[in-house]
Amino acid sequence: MKKIVYLISVFAVCLLSAGKPAYAKLEITPSVTVGGEYNDNIYLTETDREDDFITKISPAISLKYAIQPLDLSLDYSLNFKFYGNHSDLNENSIGEMQAVRFINQYRPFKFLFIDLSDIYKRVPVDVRRPVALDNTVVNMTESNTFSVSPYVILPLTSTTSITTGYAYKNKWYKDEESVDFDSHSVFLALNKRFSAKISGALKSDYFAYRPKLTNGYDRYEGSAALRYQISSNFSTWGEIGRAYLDFSDSANEETTFWDAGSEYKLNILGGSFIGVSYSSYFSESEGIVAQQKYLYDADVYPCDPQDPKCVKIGTVPVYTTENKTTTIGAAKTKTLAFYVTAEQPLKTTVRSYYSVEEELLSAREDEIKGVSVSISKNLSPRMSVSLDSKLENQKFFPGTEKTWLYSIGGGLDYKLSRMITAGIGYRYHDRNSNIDSNDFHNNSFWVKSDVTF
């Protein structure tokens, strides 16, 4: 409840600060979703699976306000869940069940901008643990991210400008093992448009990371960026720079970072795109670490080990997972992605990706590669169908855990009237790890009705 009171107060201050304009656009859209879900594995376990029927009620409101010099949006929802056989899991506390997305840009003067955002939602605690879309029981916690950034875009000439400003971010987790932090950033960029097709920038940035539990670090960056619009359908971009990280409790580090990519628009299939990107950058790896502890080597038999004729064919290591509170802090991430989109005859997005996140102050490294596909189609003015799927391979170090993740799901929606839409859907998750205790699979079926006023 404190959250919504706070947001209403901020919303009101923003409206009052906008003054009395000649024209303003205000949109208010209340809605409610009521539905039921059957889930055959609510705890995401491989053995001793427990199922349940879950009743869901989700009232929501969306506010959008546009007025010179203010653009403001607020999405607020409550997501209540009631379990048929596990009433102790009922989610009926307003403080825990709310989801908030508040975005605001205020332009008090000609060249001054102030971006403000506040996002409250449930997030996974650690990707190394079992997690499933829409499952709020296992490996999930509430998180709030608040950010504010005043900055100036000052034209020097008709083709040159300077962007400079400050950014503050605060991230909070309800889970006591997770790491809350503040960050501060001061940035400066000299922007230049060389021609109608070519633009570039020289950038510098100072970033201070301040976690609540342990020591933080300072990061200094400088880079050069260039974008080339080769044609109306084809663009390419690149950025390269150096970063220096000053740690308060360990050796400092200096390294190169970059970002490069291209996108091409095809005049077929209703306007499709092909794109590729490759980047190496620094980020703050947040949350907690799940560290694997070696126990022993288990014998592997192709048959009943009690049979005297059965011969051992090898061994596999057995680990246990221990959660340890830690500030992961600075991480260097490399990503490679390729995507294809199409609008006709089906709205389709196919994306393949590869990423390696290496933490600089620990031995942890996460390597993830996969492919995702999403498809949707309007079958008629009233009916639409959607389907999505993901296949992902994960490798976690230290340790030798290797995991395959697979999910597929879809839904069918039918618009009964201007205000009411009914829908049905299904989703399957499968997690197959070489550490058996981390395996699970589950099926979920749901029906729902959306009412928009």
Protein backbone atom coordinates (compact mmCIF):
# COMPACT_ATOMS: atom_id res chain seq x y z
CA MET A 1 0.00 0.00 0.00
CA LYS A 2 2.92 2.37 0.72
CA LYS A 3 4.06 1.85 -2.86
CA ILE A 4 0.84 3.04 -4.48
CA VAL A 5 0.59 6.03 -2.11
CA TYR A 6 4.14 7.00 -3.04
CA LEU A 7 3.45 6.68 -6.78
CA ILE A 8 0.21 8.67 -6.58
CA SER A 9 2.14 11.40 -4.77
CA VAL A 10 4.84 11.46 -7.45
CA PHE A 11 2.18 11.40 -10.16
CA ALA A 12 0.43 14.39 -8.59
CA VAL A 13 3.67 16.37 -8.22
CA CYS A 14 4.49 15.79 -11.88
CA LEU A 15 1.04 16.95 -12.95
CA LEU A 16 1.23 20.08 -10.83
CA SER A 17 4.71 20.89 -12.08
CA ALA A 18 3.45 20.86 -15.66
CA GLY A 19 1.51 24.04 -15.18
CA LYS A 20 -1.68 24.88 -17.08
CA PRO A 21 -1.26 23.94 -20.72
CA ALA A 22 -3.59 24.73 -23.56
CA TYR A 23 -3.75 21.08 -24.52
CA ALA A 24 -3.21 17.87 -22.58
CA LYS A 25 -3.92 14.22 -23.35
CA LEU A 26 -4.99 11.94 -20.52
CA GLU A 27 -5.79 8.23 -20.93
CA ILE A 28 -7.09 6.10 -18.04
CA THR A 29 -7.67 2.39 -18.73
CA PRO A 30 -8.87 0.18 -15.87
CA SER A 31 -9.08 -3.59 -16.40
CA VAL A 32 -9.42 -6.88 -14.55
CA THR A 33 -8.37 -10.42 -15.47
CA VAL A 34 -10.02 -13.44 -13.86
CA GLY A 35 -8.87 -16.97 -14.58
CA GLY A 36 -7.88 -20.40 -13.41
CA GLU A 37 -4.73 -22.48 -13.92
CA TYR A 38 -3.94 -26.14 -13.39
CA ASN A 39 -0.23 -26.75 -12.68
CA ASP A 40 1.07 -30.30 -12.27
CA ASN A 41 4.34 -29.34 -10.48
CA ILE A 42 4.05 -26.17 -8.42
CA TYR A 43 7.37 -26.69 -6.59
CA LEU A 44 9.38 -27.46 -9.76
CA THR A 45 10.78 -30.76 -8.44
CA GLU A 46 11.80 -33.92 -10.26
CA THR A 47 10.32 -36.22 -7.61
CA ASP A 48 7.43 -35.86 -5.14
CA ARG A 49 5.62 -33.60 -7.59
CA GLU A 50 2.59 -31.73 -6.25
CA ASP A 51 -0.18 -30.30 -8.42
CA ASP A 52 -2.88 -27.75 -7.75
CA PHE A 53 -5.60 -25.58 -9.27
CA ILE A 54 -4.92 -21.86 -8.92
CA THR A 55 -7.54 -19.10 -9.10
CA LYS A 56 -6.14 -15.78 -10.34
CA ILE A 57 -7.62 -12.29 -10.02
CA SER A 58 -5.65 -9.33 -11.42
CA PRO A 59 -7.16 -5.82 -11.31
CA ALA A 60 -5.04 -3.20 -13.11
CA ILE A 61 -5.03 0.41 -14.18
CA SER A 62 -3.01 2.18 -16.87
CA LEU A 63 -2.55 5.97 -16.86
CA LYS A 64 -0.93 7.97 -19.65
CA TYR A 65 -0.57 11.74 -19.55
CA ALA A 66 1.04 13.82 -22.29
CA ILE A 67 1.45 17.55 -21.91
CA GLN A 68 4.20 19.97 -22.84
CA PRO A 69 6.70 19.65 -21.16
CA LEU A 70 5.75 16.29 -19.56
CA ASP A 71 5.31 12.68 -20.75
CA LEU A 72 4.14 10.33 -18.02
CA SER A 73 2.87 6.76 -17.82
CA LEU A 74 1.89 4.50 -14.92
CA ASP A 75 0.91 0.83 -15.07
CA TYR A 76 -0.25 -0.66 -11.77
CA SER A 77 -1.65 -4.13 -11.14
CA LEU A 78 -2.40 -6.54 -8.30
CA ASN A 79 -1.94 -10.26 -8.96
CA PHE A 80 -3.86 -12.35 -6.43
CA LYS A 81 -3.52 -16.15 -6.44
CA PHE A 82 -5.55 -18.68 -4.44
CA TYR A 83 -4.41 -22.32 -4.32
CA GLY A 84 -7.01 -25.06 -4.03
CA ASN A 85 -4.91 -27.55 -2.00
CA HIS A 86 -2.01 -25.38 -0.76
CA SER A 87 -3.69 -22.45 0.98
CA ASP A 88 -0.39 -21.56 2.68
CA LEU A 89 0.83 -20.44 -0.76
CA ASN A 90 -2.06 -18.02 -1.31
CA GLU A 91 -0.83 -14.67 -2.58
CA ASN A 92 -3.25 -12.07 -1.26
CA SER A 93 -1.00 -9.43 0.28
CA ILE A 94 -1.14 -6.14 -1.59
CA GLY A 95 2.47 -5.36 -0.65
CA GLU A 96 3.76 -8.53 -2.32
CA MET A 97 1.32 -8.97 -5.20
CA GLN A 98 1.63 -5.57 -6.84
CA ALA A 99 3.47 -4.85 -10.06
CA VAL A 100 4.33 -1.25 -10.93
CA ARG A 101 5.88 0.48 -13.92
CA PHE A 102 6.21 4.26 -13.66
CA ILE A 103 8.01 6.17 -16.44
CA ASN A 104 8.28 9.95 -16.66
CA GLN A 105 10.21 12.50 -18.70
CA TYR A 106 10.07 16.13 -17.66
CA ARG A 107 11.47 18.99 -19.76
CA PRO A 108 11.41 22.09 -17.54
CA PHE A 109 13.68 24.11 -19.86
CA LYS A 110 14.57 24.05 -23.53
CA PHE A 111 17.66 21.84 -23.29
CA LEU A 112 17.12 20.18 -19.91
CA PHE A 113 15.56 16.71 -19.52
CA ILE A 114 14.76 14.74 -16.37
CA ASP A 115 14.01 11.00 -16.72
CA LEU A 116 12.38 9.30 -13.75
CA SER A 117 11.33 5.66 -13.44
CA ASP A 118 10.25 3.24 -10.73
CA ILE A 119 9.63 -0.47 -11.45
CA TYR A 120 8.39 -2.98 -8.88
CA LYS A 121 8.04 -6.62 -9.91
CA ARG A 122 8.95 -10.21 -9.14
CA VAL A 123 12.28 -11.45 -10.51
CA PRO A 124 14.32 -14.68 -10.32
CA VAL A 125 16.77 -14.82 -7.43
CA ASP A 126 19.39 -16.87 -9.30
CA VAL A 127 19.36 -18.28 -12.84
CA ARG A 128 21.25 -21.34 -11.61
CA ARG A 129 18.21 -22.52 -9.68
CA PRO A 130 15.04 -23.97 -11.22
CA VAL A 131 12.73 -21.21 -12.47
CA ALA A 132 9.65 -21.18 -14.70
CA LEU A 133 7.64 -18.47 -16.37
CA ASP A 134 4.66 -17.36 -14.22
CA ASN A 135 5.72 -19.57 -11.29
CA THR A 136 5.99 -17.25 -8.28
CA VAL A 137 6.61 -19.95 -5.64
CA VAL A 138 10.14 -21.12 -6.49
CA ASN A 139 13.28 -18.99 -6.75
CA MET A 140 11.45 -15.64 -6.98
CA THR A 141 11.51 -12.45 -4.93
CA GLU A 142 10.11 -8.91 -5.08
CA SER A 143 12.42 -6.25 -6.47
CA ASN A 144 12.21 -2.49 -6.86
CA THR A 145 14.36 -0.41 -9.21
CA PHE A 146 14.28 3.38 -8.90
CA SER A 147 16.24 5.64 -11.23
CA VAL A 148 16.46 9.37 -11.92
CA SER A 149 18.62 11.12 -14.50
CA PRO A 150 18.79 14.87 -15.19
CA TYR A 151 20.74 15.69 -18.33
CA VAL A 152 21.32 18.46 -20.88
CA ILE A 153 21.44 18.19 -24.68
CA LEU A 154 23.14 21.40 -25.81
CA PRO A 155 23.49 22.20 -29.55
CA LEU A 156 26.86 23.71 -30.47
CA THR A 157 26.29 23.93 -34.22
CA SER A 158 23.68 22.60 -36.64
CA THR A 159 25.53 19.25 -36.71
CA THR A 160 27.22 19.10 -33.29
CA SER A 161 25.84 18.78 -29.78
CA ILE A 162 26.91 17.88 -26.25
CA THR A 163 25.02 15.53 -23.94
CA THR A 164 25.96 15.60 -20.28
CA GLY A 165 24.22 14.61 -17.08
CA TYR A 166 23.93 12.47 -13.99
CA ALA A 167 22.13 9.17 -13.30
CA TYR A 168 21.20 7.61 -9.96
CA LYS A 169 19.88 4.06 -9.51
CA ASN A 170 18.69 2.20 -6.43
CA LYS A 171 17.90 -1.52 -6.54
CA TRP A 172 16.21 -3.37 -3.67
CA TYR A 173 15.35 -7.04 -3.17
CA LYS A 174 13.02 -8.45 -0.56
CA ASP A 175 15.07 -11.65 -0.42
CA GLU A 176 17.61 -11.21 2.37
CA GLU A 177 20.31 -13.15 0.50
CA SER A 178 20.15 -10.82 -2.49
CA VAL A 179 22.29 -7.73 -2.71
CA ASP A 180 20.79 -4.23 -2.66
CA PHE A 181 22.84 -1.42 -4.15
CA ASP A 182 23.04 2.22 -5.20
CA SER A 183 24.88 3.48 -8.26
CA HIS A 184 25.89 6.92 -9.48
CA SER A 185 26.98 7.90 -12.96
CA VAL A 186 28.24 11.11 -14.56
CA PHE A 187 28.38 11.07 -18.35
CA LEU A 188 29.51 13.32 -21.22
CA ALA A 189 29.20 12.82 -24.98
CA LEU A 190 30.19 14.94 -27.97
CA ASN A 191 27.78 14.09 -30.82
CA LYS A 192 28.51 14.83 -34.47
CA ARG A 193 26.44 14.33 -37.63
CA PHE A 194 28.94 14.13 -40.49
CA SER A 195 26.32 13.68 -43.22
CA ALA A 196 22.77 12.50 -43.73
CA LYS A 197 24.04 8.92 -43.45
CA ILE A 198 26.93 9.07 -40.97
CA SER A 199 26.90 10.15 -37.32
CA GLY A 200 29.31 9.56 -34.46
CA ALA A 201 30.08 10.37 -30.84
CA LEU A 202 32.94 10.57 -28.35
CA LYS A 203 31.82 9.40 -24.91
CA SER A 204 33.12 9.38 -21.35
CA ASP A 205 31.49 8.00 -18.23
CA TYR A 206 32.21 7.72 -14.53
CA PHE A 207 30.27 5.01 -12.68
CA ALA A 208 30.24 4.33 -8.92
CA TYR A 209 28.78 1.02 -7.65
CA ARG A 210 27.86 0.99 -3.96
CA PRO A 211 26.38 -2.28 -2.62
CA LYS A 212 24.84 -2.38 0.85
CA LEU A 213 26.81 -5.31 2.28
CA THR A 214 30.36 -5.14 0.92
CA ASN A 215 32.78 -2.81 -0.78
CA GLY A 216 32.04 -1.40 -4.21
CA TYR A 217 34.12 -0.04 -7.06
CA ASP A 218 34.51 2.89 -9.46
CA ARG A 219 34.57 2.53 -13.24
CA TYR A 220 35.96 5.03 -15.77
CA GLU A 221 35.12 4.61 -19.46
CA GLY A 222 35.97 6.36 -22.70
CA SER A 223 34.76 5.32 -26.16
CA ALA A 224 34.14 6.33 -29.77
CA ALA A 225 30.95 5.37 -31.65
CA LEU A 226 29.94 5.53 -35.31
CA ARG A 227 26.65 4.80 -37.09
CA TYR A 228 26.29 4.46 -40.87
CA GLN A 229 22.89 4.41 -42.59
CA ILE A 230 24.08 2.70 -45.76
CA SER A 231 20.61 2.89 -47.35
CA SER A 232 17.03 3.34 -46.25
CA ASN A 233 16.95 -0.43 -45.57
CA PHE A 234 20.44 -1.09 -44.23
CA SER A 235 22.24 0.33 -41.20
CA THR A 236 25.36 -0.61 -39.28
CA TRP A 237 26.95 0.68 -36.08
CA GLY A 238 30.00 0.22 -33.91
CA GLU A 239 31.53 1.46 -30.66
CA ILE A 240 34.88 0.70 -29.03
CA GLY A 241 36.40 1.95 -25.82
CA ARG A 242 38.58 1.33 -22.79
CA ALA A 243 37.43 0.86 -19.22
CA TYR A 244 39.36 1.14 -15.97
CA LEU A 245 37.90 -0.43 -12.85
CA ASP A 246 39.12 0.73 -9.43
CA PHE A 247 38.25 -1.84 -6.75
CA SER A 248 38.47 -0.89 -3.09
CA ASP A 249 39.43 -4.38 -1.89
CA SER A 250 41.19 -6.10 -4.84
CA ALA A 251 43.48 -5.50 -7.79
CA ASN A 252 42.31 -2.96 -10.36
CA GLU A 253 41.56 -3.93 -13.96
CA GLU A 254 41.76 -2.25 -17.36
CA THR A 255 40.23 -3.73 -20.51
CA THR A 256 38.58 -3.02 -23.86
CA PHE A 257 34.83 -3.08 -24.56
CA TRP A 258 32.87 -2.82 -27.80
CA ASP A 259 29.49 -3.02 -29.49
CA ALA A 260 28.89 -3.68 -33.19
CA GLY A 261 25.94 -4.68 -35.31
CA SER A 262 23.92 -4.39 -38.50
CA GLU A 263 20.25 -4.49 -39.45
CA TYR A 264 18.70 -4.97 -42.88
CA LYS A 265 15.05 -4.47 -43.76
CA LEU A 266 13.63 -6.77 -46.43
CA ASN A 267 10.72 -5.57 -48.56
CA ILE A 268 9.04 -8.97 -48.30
CA LEU A 269 6.76 -10.77 -45.83
CA GLY A 270 5.08 -7.53 -44.83
CA GLY A 271 8.37 -5.86 -43.91
CA SER A 272 10.89 -8.20 -42.30
CA PHE A 273 14.25 -7.54 -40.62
CA ILE A 274 17.52 -9.41 -40.33
CA GLY A 275 19.98 -8.29 -37.68
CA VAL A 276 23.20 -9.30 -35.96
CA SER A 277 25.06 -7.82 -32.99
CA TYR A 278 28.23 -8.58 -31.07
CA SER A 279 29.23 -6.79 -27.90
CA SER A 280 31.50 -6.91 -24.88
CA TYR A 281 30.53 -4.71 -21.95
CA PHE A 282 30.55 -4.33 -18.17
CA SER A 283 27.49 -4.70 -16.00
CA GLU A 284 26.55 -5.39 -12.41
CA SER A 285 25.77 -9.09 -11.91
CA GLU A 286 23.11 -8.88 -9.22
CA GLY A 287 21.61 -11.33 -6.75
CA ILE A 288 23.17 -14.28 -4.95
CA VAL A 289 25.57 -17.00 -5.96
CA ALA A 290 24.62 -20.66 -5.90
CA GLN A 291 27.96 -22.40 -5.38
CA GLN A 292 28.39 -26.10 -6.09
CA LYS A 293 30.24 -28.29 -3.57
CA TYR A 294 31.74 -31.58 -4.73
CA LEU A 295 30.55 -34.61 -2.73
CA TYR A 296 31.72 -37.81 -4.42
CA ASP A 297 31.89 -39.78 -7.69
CA ALA A 298 28.88 -42.01 -8.28
CA ASP A 299 29.21 -45.26 -10.22
CA VAL A 300 27.22 -45.56 -13.45
CA TYR A 301 25.74 -48.92 -14.52
CA PRO A 302 23.80 -49.68 -17.74
CA CYS A 303 21.66 -52.22 -15.86
CA ASP A 304 20.71 -53.30 -12.35
CA PRO A 305 23.87 -52.89 -10.21
CA GLN A 306 22.69 -55.81 -8.04
CA ASP A 307 23.06 -58.14 -11.01
CA PRO A 308 26.50 -59.88 -10.82
CA LYS A 309 26.73 -59.74 -14.62
CA CYS A 310 26.23 -55.96 -14.70
CA VAL A 311 29.53 -54.11 -15.26
CA LYS A 312 30.22 -50.51 -14.24
CA ILE A 313 30.77 -48.27 -17.29
CA GLY A 314 32.04 -45.13 -15.52
CA THR A 315 31.46 -42.49 -12.85
CA VAL A 316 29.81 -39.07 -12.63
CA PRO A 317 30.53 -36.32 -10.08
CA VAL A 318 27.82 -35.54 -7.53
CA TYR A 319 27.47 -32.00 -6.19
CA THR A 320 25.31 -30.16 -3.71
CA THR A 321 24.25 -26.55 -4.20
CA GLU A 322 25.00 -24.10 -1.42
CA ASN A 323 23.69 -20.53 -1.51
CA LYS A 324 26.09 -17.95 -0.21
CA THR A 325 25.40 -14.25 0.26
CA THR A 326 27.81 -12.22 -1.82
CA THR A 327 28.11 -9.02 -3.77
CA ILE A 328 28.89 -10.29 -7.22
CA GLY A 329 29.41 -6.77 -8.52
CA ALA A 330 31.37 -6.17 -11.70
CA ALA A 331 30.97 -8.66 -14.51
CA LYS A 332 32.22 -8.66 -18.08
CA THR A 333 29.64 -9.94 -20.54
CA LYS A 334 30.14 -10.96 -24.17
CA THR A 335 27.05 -11.49 -26.33
CA LEU A 336 26.46 -12.55 -29.90
CA ALA A 337 22.91 -12.45 -31.31
CA PHE A 338 21.20 -12.99 -34.64
CA TYR A 339 17.53 -12.33 -35.29
CA VAL A 340 14.96 -12.48 -38.07
CA THR A 341 11.48 -10.93 -37.96
CA ALA A 342 8.52 -11.04 -40.33
CA GLU A 343 5.03 -9.52 -40.29
CA GLN A 344 3.28 -11.74 -42.87
CA PRO A 345 1.79 -14.29 -43.21
CA LEU A 346 2.59 -14.84 -39.52
CA LYS A 347 4.09 -12.29 -37.18
CA THR A 348 7.32 -14.12 -36.38
CA THR A 349 10.52 -13.46 -34.46
CA VAL A 350 13.41 -15.93 -34.41
CA ARG A 351 16.44 -15.10 -32.26
CA SER A 352 19.60 -17.10 -31.62
CA TYR A 353 22.04 -15.93 -28.97
CA TYR A 354 25.24 -16.74 -27.12
CA SER A 355 26.52 -15.02 -23.98
CA VAL A 356 29.29 -15.44 -21.43
CA GLU A 357 29.15 -13.53 -18.15
CA GLU A 358 32.43 -13.57 -16.23
CA GLU A 359 32.55 -12.05 -12.76
CA LEU A 360 35.74 -10.14 -12.09
CA LEU A 361 35.99 -10.74 -8.33
CA SER A 362 35.07 -14.43 -8.23
CA ALA A 363 35.50 -17.57 -10.26
CA ARG A 364 31.85 -17.61 -11.35
CA GLU A 365 31.15 -17.78 -15.06
CA ASP A 366 27.80 -18.37 -16.78
CA GLU A 367 27.77 -19.51 -20.42
CA ILE A 368 24.37 -19.50 -22.14
CA LYS A 369 23.40 -20.23 -25.73
CA GLY A 370 20.00 -20.78 -27.22
CA VAL A 371 17.30 -19.97 -29.70
CA SER A 372 13.81 -18.53 -29.20
CA VAL A 373 10.83 -18.40 -31.56
CA SER A 374 7.58 -16.46 -31.19
CA ILE A 375 4.66 -16.59 -33.63
CA SER A 376 1.29 -14.84 -33.59
CA LYS A 377 -1.59 -14.52 -36.04
CA ASN A 378 -4.93 -12.75 -36.18
CA LEU A 379 -7.26 -15.44 -37.46
CA SER A 380 -10.17 -13.03 -37.68
CA PRO A 381 -11.09 -9.57 -36.34
CA ARG A 382 -12.10 -11.32 -33.09
CA MET A 383 -9.73 -14.28 -32.79
CA SER A 384 -5.94 -14.45 -32.43
CA VAL A 385 -3.47 -17.23 -31.69
CA SER A 386 0.12 -17.18 -30.38
CA LEU A 387 2.93 -19.68 -29.90
CA ASP A 388 6.40 -19.33 -28.42
CA SER A 389 9.26 -21.69 -27.70
CA LYS A 390 12.81 -21.56 -26.30
CA LEU A 391 15.69 -24.01 -26.23
CA GLU A 392 18.68 -23.05 -24.10
CA ASN A 393 21.93 -24.66 -23.01
CA GLN A 394 23.59 -23.39 -19.81
CA LYS A 395 27.02 -24.12 -18.37
CA PHE A 396 27.94 -22.90 -14.89
CA PHE A 397 31.44 -22.56 -13.47
CA PRO A 398 32.99 -23.30 -11.00
CA GLY A 399 31.71 -26.85 -11.03
CA THR A 400 30.59 -28.86 -14.00
CA GLU A 401 26.85 -28.31 -14.14
CA LYS A 402 25.43 -28.41 -17.64
CA THR A 403 21.73 -27.75 -18.15
CA TRP A 404 19.29 -27.91 -21.03
CA LEU A 405 16.15 -25.77 -20.75
CA TYR A 406 13.16 -26.17 -23.02
CA SER A 407 9.80 -24.43 -22.95
CA ILE A 408 6.87 -24.21 -25.33
CA GLY A 409 3.51 -22.57 -24.91
CA GLY A 410 0.72 -20.74 -26.62
CA GLY A 411 -2.76 -19.40 -26.35
CA LEU A 412 -5.98 -18.65 -28.18
CA ASP A 413 -7.88 -15.41 -27.50
CA TYR A 414 -11.39 -14.56 -28.64
CA LYS A 415 -12.92 -11.08 -28.33
CA LEU A 416 -16.48 -11.57 -27.08
CA SER A 417 -17.30 -7.88 -27.10
CA ARG A 418 -15.63 -4.48 -27.09
CA MET A 419 -14.77 -4.92 -23.41
CA ILE A 420 -14.40 -8.68 -22.87
CA THR A 421 -11.77 -11.11 -24.23
CA ALA A 422 -11.68 -14.80 -23.30
CA GLY A 423 -8.64 -17.02 -23.69
CA ILE A 424 -7.15 -20.46 -23.13
CA GLY A 425 -3.51 -21.53 -23.05
CA TYR A 426 -0.91 -24.16 -22.26
CA ARG A 427 2.79 -24.15 -21.33
CA TYR A 428 5.41 -26.86 -20.83
CA HIS A 429 8.80 -26.43 -19.09
CA ASP A 430 11.65 -28.92 -18.92
CA ARG A 431 15.00 -28.54 -17.14
CA ASN A 432 17.51 -31.34 -17.65
CA SER A 433 20.75 -31.00 -15.65
CA ASN A 434 23.64 -33.37 -15.02
CA ILE A 435 22.89 -32.64 -11.35
CA ASP A 436 19.68 -34.61 -10.87
CA SER A 437 18.42 -32.52 -7.94
CA ASN A 438 18.12 -29.53 -10.30
CA ASP A 439 15.90 -31.33 -12.83
CA PHE A 440 12.18 -30.66 -13.24
CA HIS A 441 9.38 -30.56 -15.79
CA ASN A 442 5.86 -29.23 -15.50
CA ASN A 443 2.68 -28.60 -17.47
CA SER A 444 0.23 -25.77 -16.93
CA PHE A 445 -3.19 -25.17 -18.49
CA TRP A 446 -5.22 -22.00 -18.03
CA VAL A 447 -8.43 -20.24 -18.94
CA LYS A 448 -8.99 -16.52 -18.44
CA SER A 449 -11.26 -13.58 -19.14
CA ASP A 450 -9.99 -10.00 -19.60
CA VAL A 451 -12.35 -7.09 -19.03
CA THR A 452 -11.16 -3.64 -20.14
CA PHE A 453 -13.31 -0.68 -19.18
